[in-house]
């Protein structure tokens, strides 16, 4: 049975019965591993972080005959407990959760519902029973690659629109440790190319407002930045639009966004949420999964990386792309050390 159900949490708590194919499912005494919930603190449609995770969820339905439900809470804290309770009463055996803002609730539910596998995505969350598995991405490695690409571009005045200043930018959705880790890696990568490259940053203060993203990018472009890295989910689509309108350049994030504004997006810093979800669920189904682990996915594990395609090749010269691939290889081998954000 292949079925995917998206659940939208409304403003009040109603009796949690989920109707699927004419049947009413209630919470059973033993969770069913073929029933997978994906709970996100934001919403789908960002063409980035959350959508990457959904792609992985969709693959589970196709390859494992899993039934899935996606619960979007739209950054509304009142909906976080409702989302978790809805997944439990839907009888999810596995819950993948992006828990920014409700980590303590996830801990409580993982302690209470011992038969459910909880997998926290993108941060490390540990409950008292130590049963939550966390998937932690090494953002600094992917962002180092993005910074190296930006550094190469800003030094090459033969690229249309590139000025003589060694100045690049970054727009974060908000200030938090994950975004600061991205920027930390981005700075390292740019300065690996040229130690005198300067980096300006702006935090938009929202993850879901492309207009704010566009305003932030235009501010950076007006200051002399010719490449701006967006790390802002849906807000970041405005950064890409601003680059196209200004005849300048952006770098996408999480998913391959190179084609969203062709000729203006140099590359994208991939965070392969969907691949991680698929890999973890595969281990659950084949019996090799261990609860309570912290799984780190960097360049070597293909958890992060650059999207280099025809859009990239239309902007960067071949020697720069070859150098990027060499940098990636050197990071994986340990010849280049990428410092982690503390």
Protein backbone atom coordinates (compact mmCIF):
# COMPACT_ATOMS: atom_id res chain seq x y z
CA UNK A 1 0.00 0.00 0.00
CA UNK A 2 1.53 3.30 -1.07
CA UNK A 3 -0.06 6.30 0.53
CA UNK A 4 1.10 9.70 1.68
CA UNK A 5 -1.09 11.90 3.85
CA UNK A 6 -0.38 15.54 4.69
CA UNK A 7 -1.86 16.67 7.98
CA UNK A 8 -2.42 20.36 8.69
CA UNK A 9 -2.76 21.21 12.38
CA UNK A 10 -5.61 23.64 12.90
CA UNK A 11 -6.04 26.22 15.61
CA UNK A 12 -7.79 24.00 18.15
CA UNK A 13 -7.35 20.45 19.34
CA UNK A 14 -9.93 18.06 17.97
CA UNK A 15 -10.31 14.32 18.61
CA UNK A 16 -7.39 12.79 16.76
CA UNK A 17 -8.80 10.18 14.45
CA UNK A 18 -7.16 9.94 11.04
CA UNK A 19 -9.36 8.63 8.22
CA UNK A 20 -7.38 6.67 5.66
CA UNK A 21 -9.00 4.75 2.85
CA UNK A 22 -12.31 4.59 4.72
CA UNK A 23 -10.78 3.16 7.91
CA UNK A 24 -10.29 4.82 11.27
CA UNK A 25 -6.84 4.27 12.82
CA UNK A 26 -6.29 4.64 16.55
CA UNK A 27 -3.11 4.38 18.60
CA UNK A 28 -2.29 0.72 19.12
CA UNK A 29 -0.22 -0.89 21.83
CA UNK A 30 2.60 -1.69 19.39
CA UNK A 31 3.80 0.86 16.84
CA UNK A 32 3.92 -0.12 13.17
CA UNK A 33 7.31 0.57 11.51
CA UNK A 34 5.65 0.90 8.12
CA UNK A 35 3.85 4.04 9.34
CA UNK A 36 6.16 7.04 9.14
CA UNK A 37 5.46 10.60 10.29
CA UNK A 38 7.43 13.66 9.18
CA UNK A 39 6.89 16.59 11.57
CA UNK A 40 8.36 19.95 10.64
CA UNK A 41 8.40 23.22 12.50
CA UNK A 42 7.87 25.09 9.24
CA UNK A 43 6.04 24.29 6.02
CA UNK A 44 6.60 22.61 2.70
CA UNK A 45 7.04 24.66 -0.45
CA UNK A 46 10.37 26.27 0.41
CA UNK A 47 12.15 24.44 -2.46
CA UNK A 48 14.93 23.95 0.07
CA UNK A 49 15.23 22.44 3.55
CA UNK A 50 11.76 21.04 4.28
CA UNK A 51 11.12 19.96 0.69
CA UNK A 52 14.40 18.01 0.70
CA UNK A 53 13.12 16.02 3.68
CA UNK A 54 9.78 15.41 1.97
CA UNK A 55 11.57 13.95 -1.04
CA UNK A 56 13.11 11.36 1.27
CA UNK A 57 9.74 10.60 2.85
CA UNK A 58 8.21 10.12 -0.61
CA UNK A 59 10.97 7.62 -1.47
CA UNK A 60 10.05 5.55 1.60
CA UNK A 61 6.52 5.17 0.34
CA UNK A 62 7.79 4.08 -3.06
CA UNK A 63 10.63 1.76 -2.05
CA UNK A 64 9.42 0.30 1.26
CA UNK A 65 5.65 0.33 0.84
CA UNK A 66 5.53 2.70 3.81
CA UNK A 67 2.53 4.85 4.65
CA UNK A 68 3.54 8.40 5.51
CA UNK A 69 2.00 11.52 6.99
CA UNK A 70 3.57 14.98 6.91
CA UNK A 71 2.57 17.41 9.64
CA UNK A 72 3.37 21.08 9.02
CA UNK A 73 3.23 23.44 12.00
CA UNK A 74 4.09 26.66 10.16
CA UNK A 75 6.31 28.03 12.94
CA UNK A 76 3.32 28.19 15.31
CA UNK A 77 4.41 27.01 18.76
CA UNK A 78 0.80 26.29 19.77
CA UNK A 79 0.73 23.54 17.16
CA UNK A 80 3.88 21.69 18.25
CA UNK A 81 2.24 19.48 20.93
CA UNK A 82 -0.72 18.88 18.64
CA UNK A 83 1.61 17.69 15.91
CA UNK A 84 3.35 15.15 18.12
CA UNK A 85 0.09 13.91 19.59
CA UNK A 86 -1.41 13.58 16.14
CA UNK A 87 1.52 11.42 14.97
CA UNK A 88 1.20 9.21 18.06
CA UNK A 89 -2.53 8.70 17.64
CA UNK A 90 -2.04 8.03 13.94
CA UNK A 91 0.02 5.08 15.20
CA UNK A 92 3.31 6.13 13.66
CA UNK A 93 6.07 3.65 14.32
CA UNK A 94 8.77 6.06 13.18
CA UNK A 95 8.71 9.83 13.63
CA UNK A 96 11.21 12.00 11.78
CA UNK A 97 11.08 15.45 13.32
CA UNK A 98 12.67 18.83 12.66
CA UNK A 99 12.23 20.11 16.18
CA UNK A 100 13.53 23.69 16.26
CA UNK A 101 11.55 25.37 19.05
CA UNK A 102 10.06 22.26 20.61
CA UNK A 103 13.02 20.08 21.50
CA UNK A 104 11.81 19.57 25.09
CA UNK A 105 8.46 18.29 23.85
CA UNK A 106 10.18 15.76 21.63
CA UNK A 107 12.18 14.55 24.63
CA UNK A 108 8.97 14.12 26.66
CA UNK A 109 7.25 12.16 23.91
CA UNK A 110 10.27 9.95 23.28
CA UNK A 111 10.41 9.10 27.01
CA UNK A 112 6.69 8.43 27.16
CA UNK A 113 6.22 6.36 23.97
CA UNK A 114 8.88 3.68 24.17
CA UNK A 115 7.61 1.74 21.16
CA UNK A 116 8.05 4.64 18.72
CA UNK A 117 11.38 5.41 17.05
CA UNK A 118 12.12 9.14 17.17
CA UNK A 119 14.69 10.54 14.74
CA UNK A 120 15.57 14.21 15.19
CA UNK A 121 16.86 15.95 12.08
CA UNK A 122 19.54 18.67 11.93
CA UNK A 123 20.23 19.14 15.65
CA UNK A 124 21.21 16.89 18.52
CA UNK A 125 18.41 16.19 21.01
CA UNK A 126 18.90 13.74 23.89
CA UNK A 127 16.09 12.48 26.09
CA UNK A 128 16.52 10.92 29.53
CA UNK A 129 16.09 7.38 28.16
CA UNK A 130 18.66 8.19 25.43
CA UNK A 131 16.50 6.71 22.70
CA UNK A 132 16.30 9.67 20.31
CA UNK A 133 18.54 9.25 17.29
CA UNK A 134 19.88 12.58 16.00
CA UNK A 135 21.04 13.28 12.46
CA UNK A 136 23.56 16.12 12.62
CA UNK A 137 24.94 17.61 9.42
CA UNK A 138 28.43 19.07 9.25
CA UNK A 139 27.22 22.39 7.83
CA UNK A 140 30.67 23.88 7.99
CA UNK A 141 32.00 21.51 5.30
CA UNK A 142 29.29 22.24 2.76
CA UNK A 143 29.44 25.95 3.53
CA UNK A 144 33.23 25.90 3.16
CA UNK A 145 32.67 24.69 -0.39
CA UNK A 146 30.09 27.43 -0.98
CA UNK A 147 32.52 30.02 0.37
CA UNK A 148 35.27 28.73 -1.89
CA UNK A 149 32.96 29.05 -4.90
CA UNK A 150 31.97 32.58 -3.86
CA UNK A 151 35.61 33.47 -3.32
CA UNK A 152 36.60 32.28 -6.78
CA UNK A 153 33.73 34.20 -8.35
CA UNK A 154 34.36 37.50 -6.57
CA UNK A 155 38.02 37.47 -7.67
CA UNK A 156 37.18 36.88 -11.33
CA UNK A 157 36.25 40.21 -12.90
CA UNK A 158 35.92 38.48 -16.27
CA UNK A 159 32.56 37.17 -15.00
CA UNK A 160 29.88 39.73 -15.98
CA UNK A 161 28.79 41.84 -12.97
CA UNK A 162 31.76 40.98 -10.75
CA UNK A 163 33.42 44.10 -9.33
CA UNK A 164 36.97 44.60 -8.13
CA UNK A 165 36.11 44.48 -4.43
CA UNK A 166 36.88 41.31 -2.47
CA UNK A 167 33.50 41.35 -0.79
CA UNK A 168 30.78 38.70 -0.55
CA UNK A 169 27.64 38.37 1.58
CA UNK A 170 25.30 36.01 3.37
CA UNK A 171 21.63 36.27 4.34
CA UNK A 172 20.48 34.08 7.24
CA UNK A 173 16.85 33.49 8.08
CA UNK A 174 17.59 34.23 11.73
CA UNK A 175 20.50 34.07 14.11
CA UNK A 176 20.88 30.59 15.56
CA UNK A 177 23.76 28.12 15.98
CA UNK A 178 23.04 26.25 12.74
CA UNK A 179 23.01 29.41 10.61
CA UNK A 180 26.11 30.69 12.36
CA UNK A 181 27.79 27.35 11.58
CA UNK A 182 26.95 27.84 7.91
CA UNK A 183 28.41 31.35 7.93
CA UNK A 184 31.49 30.18 9.84
CA UNK A 185 32.20 27.57 7.20
CA UNK A 186 31.42 30.01 4.38
CA UNK A 187 33.97 32.47 5.75
CA UNK A 188 36.60 29.74 6.04
CA UNK A 189 36.07 28.66 2.43
CA UNK A 190 36.23 32.18 1.02
CA UNK A 191 39.38 32.99 2.95
CA UNK A 192 40.96 29.72 1.88
CA UNK A 193 40.79 31.19 -1.63
CA UNK A 194 41.99 34.65 -0.55
CA UNK A 195 42.61 35.67 3.05
CA UNK A 196 41.60 39.27 2.27
CA UNK A 197 38.05 38.48 1.19
CA UNK A 198 35.52 40.20 3.49
CA UNK A 199 32.10 38.80 4.32
CA UNK A 200 29.03 40.85 5.21
CA UNK A 201 26.00 39.21 6.80
CA UNK A 202 22.36 40.09 7.43
CA UNK A 203 19.80 38.10 9.43
CA UNK A 204 16.37 38.59 7.87
CA UNK A 205 14.52 37.63 11.06
CA UNK A 206 12.14 35.29 9.25
CA UNK A 207 12.21 32.02 7.31
CA UNK A 208 9.09 32.57 5.21
CA UNK A 209 9.20 36.06 3.66
CA UNK A 210 10.88 36.32 0.22
CA UNK A 211 10.33 40.09 0.23
CA UNK A 212 12.50 40.43 3.32
CA UNK A 213 15.09 38.20 1.70
CA UNK A 214 15.15 40.36 -1.40
CA UNK A 215 15.54 43.51 0.68
CA UNK A 216 18.44 42.01 2.62
CA UNK A 217 20.20 40.88 -0.55
CA UNK A 218 19.76 44.27 -2.20
CA UNK A 219 21.31 45.91 0.84
CA UNK A 220 24.35 43.65 0.54
CA UNK A 221 24.61 44.21 -3.20
CA UNK A 222 24.47 47.97 -2.64
CA UNK A 223 27.41 47.66 -0.25
CA UNK A 224 29.53 46.08 -2.98
CA UNK A 225 28.90 42.36 -2.49
CA UNK A 226 28.65 40.60 -5.85
CA UNK A 227 27.87 37.11 -4.48
CA UNK A 228 25.35 36.47 -1.67
CA UNK A 229 24.79 33.09 0.01
CA UNK A 230 21.20 32.53 1.08
CA UNK A 231 20.64 30.45 4.23
CA UNK A 232 17.05 31.40 4.86
CA UNK A 233 14.62 28.73 3.60
CA UNK A 234 11.68 30.36 1.75
CA UNK A 235 12.97 33.85 2.63
CA UNK A 236 16.05 32.97 0.61
CA UNK A 237 14.11 32.74 -2.65
CA UNK A 238 14.02 36.53 -2.50
CA UNK A 239 17.82 36.56 -2.38
CA UNK A 240 17.94 34.59 -5.63
CA UNK A 241 15.43 36.95 -7.23
CA UNK A 242 17.44 39.98 -6.18
CA UNK A 243 20.59 38.52 -7.72
CA UNK A 244 18.81 38.04 -11.05
CA UNK A 245 17.33 41.54 -10.98
CA UNK A 246 20.66 43.16 -10.10
CA UNK A 247 22.70 41.17 -12.62
CA UNK A 248 24.73 39.70 -9.76
CA UNK A 249 25.04 36.29 -8.11
CA UNK A 250 23.66 34.12 -5.35
CA UNK A 251 24.36 30.71 -3.86
CA UNK A 252 21.42 28.50 -2.95
CA UNK A 253 21.04 26.20 0.02
CA UNK A 254 19.81 22.74 1.07
CA UNK A 255 18.33 21.71 -2.30
CA UNK A 256 19.67 22.35 -5.81
CA UNK A 257 18.39 25.85 -6.52
CA UNK A 258 20.70 26.55 -9.46
CA UNK A 259 17.85 26.54 -11.97
CA UNK A 260 15.52 28.80 -10.00
CA UNK A 261 17.20 31.91 -11.43
CA UNK A 262 19.29 30.59 -14.33
CA UNK A 263 22.54 32.45 -14.84
CA UNK A 264 22.39 34.08 -11.41
CA UNK A 265 22.81 31.12 -9.03
CA UNK A 266 26.42 29.95 -9.10
CA UNK A 267 25.86 26.78 -7.09
CA UNK A 268 23.88 25.46 -4.12
CA UNK A 269 25.14 24.17 -0.79
CA UNK A 270 23.27 20.90 -0.49
CA UNK A 271 22.07 19.53 2.80
CA UNK A 272 20.69 16.16 1.82
CA UNK A 273 17.89 15.84 4.38
CA UNK A 274 15.97 13.41 2.20
CA UNK A 275 18.96 11.13 1.69
CA UNK A 276 19.58 11.04 5.45
CA UNK A 277 15.96 10.14 6.15
CA UNK A 278 16.11 7.40 3.56
CA UNK A 279 19.39 6.01 4.92
CA UNK A 280 18.15 5.95 8.52
CA UNK A 281 14.83 4.35 7.59
CA UNK A 282 16.66 1.73 5.52
CA UNK A 283 18.63 0.77 8.63
CA UNK A 284 15.41 0.59 10.64
CA UNK A 285 13.87 -1.79 8.15
CA UNK A 286 16.94 -4.02 7.69
CA UNK A 287 17.56 -4.34 11.44
CA UNK A 288 20.91 -2.50 11.62
CA UNK A 289 19.49 0.64 13.24
CA UNK A 290 20.64 1.58 16.76
CA UNK A 291 18.62 4.00 18.86
CA UNK A 292 20.18 6.94 20.64
CA UNK A 293 23.07 7.51 18.27
CA UNK A 294 24.25 10.82 16.89
CA UNK A 295 24.84 10.38 13.17
CA UNK A 296 27.13 12.96 11.56
CA UNK A 297 26.80 13.52 7.83
CA UNK A 298 29.45 15.60 6.10
CA UNK A 299 31.08 15.58 2.67
CA UNK A 300 32.42 12.05 3.08
CA UNK A 301 28.93 10.72 3.90
CA UNK A 302 27.37 12.81 1.11
CA UNK A 303 25.25 14.57 3.69
CA UNK A 304 26.41 17.94 2.37
CA UNK A 305 28.02 19.09 -0.86
CA UNK A 306 27.83 21.43 -3.82
CA UNK A 307 25.39 21.22 -6.72
CA UNK A 308 27.67 21.58 -9.73
CA UNK A 309 25.76 21.36 -12.99
CA UNK A 310 25.36 23.10 -16.34
CA UNK A 311 24.13 26.27 -14.58
CA UNK A 312 27.37 26.34 -12.58
CA UNK A 313 29.50 25.67 -15.65
CA UNK A 314 27.85 28.57 -17.45
CA UNK A 315 29.19 30.94 -14.77
CA UNK A 316 32.43 29.53 -13.38
CA UNK A 317 35.35 28.63 -15.65
CA UNK A 318 36.40 24.99 -15.86
CA UNK A 319 39.58 25.53 -13.85
CA UNK A 320 37.56 26.87 -10.92
CA UNK A 321 35.25 23.87 -10.99
CA UNK A 322 38.25 21.54 -11.09
CA UNK A 323 39.69 23.39 -8.10
CA UNK A 324 36.41 23.04 -6.19
CA UNK A 325 36.42 19.30 -6.78
CA UNK A 326 40.01 19.12 -5.54
CA UNK A 327 39.08 21.09 -2.40
CA UNK A 328 36.21 18.68 -1.76
CA UNK A 329 38.57 15.72 -2.12
CA UNK A 330 41.10 17.34 0.22
CA UNK A 331 38.46 17.95 2.89
CA UNK A 332 37.34 14.33 2.72
CA UNK A 333 40.92 13.06 2.92
CA UNK A 334 41.81 15.40 5.78
CA UNK A 335 44.33 17.42 3.77
CA UNK A 336 42.14 20.46 4.44
CA UNK A 337 40.74 20.87 7.95
CA UNK A 338 37.41 22.64 8.28
CA UNK A 339 36.92 24.04 11.75
CA UNK A 340 33.56 23.55 13.43
CA UNK A 341 31.56 26.40 14.87
CA UNK A 342 31.67 26.48 18.66
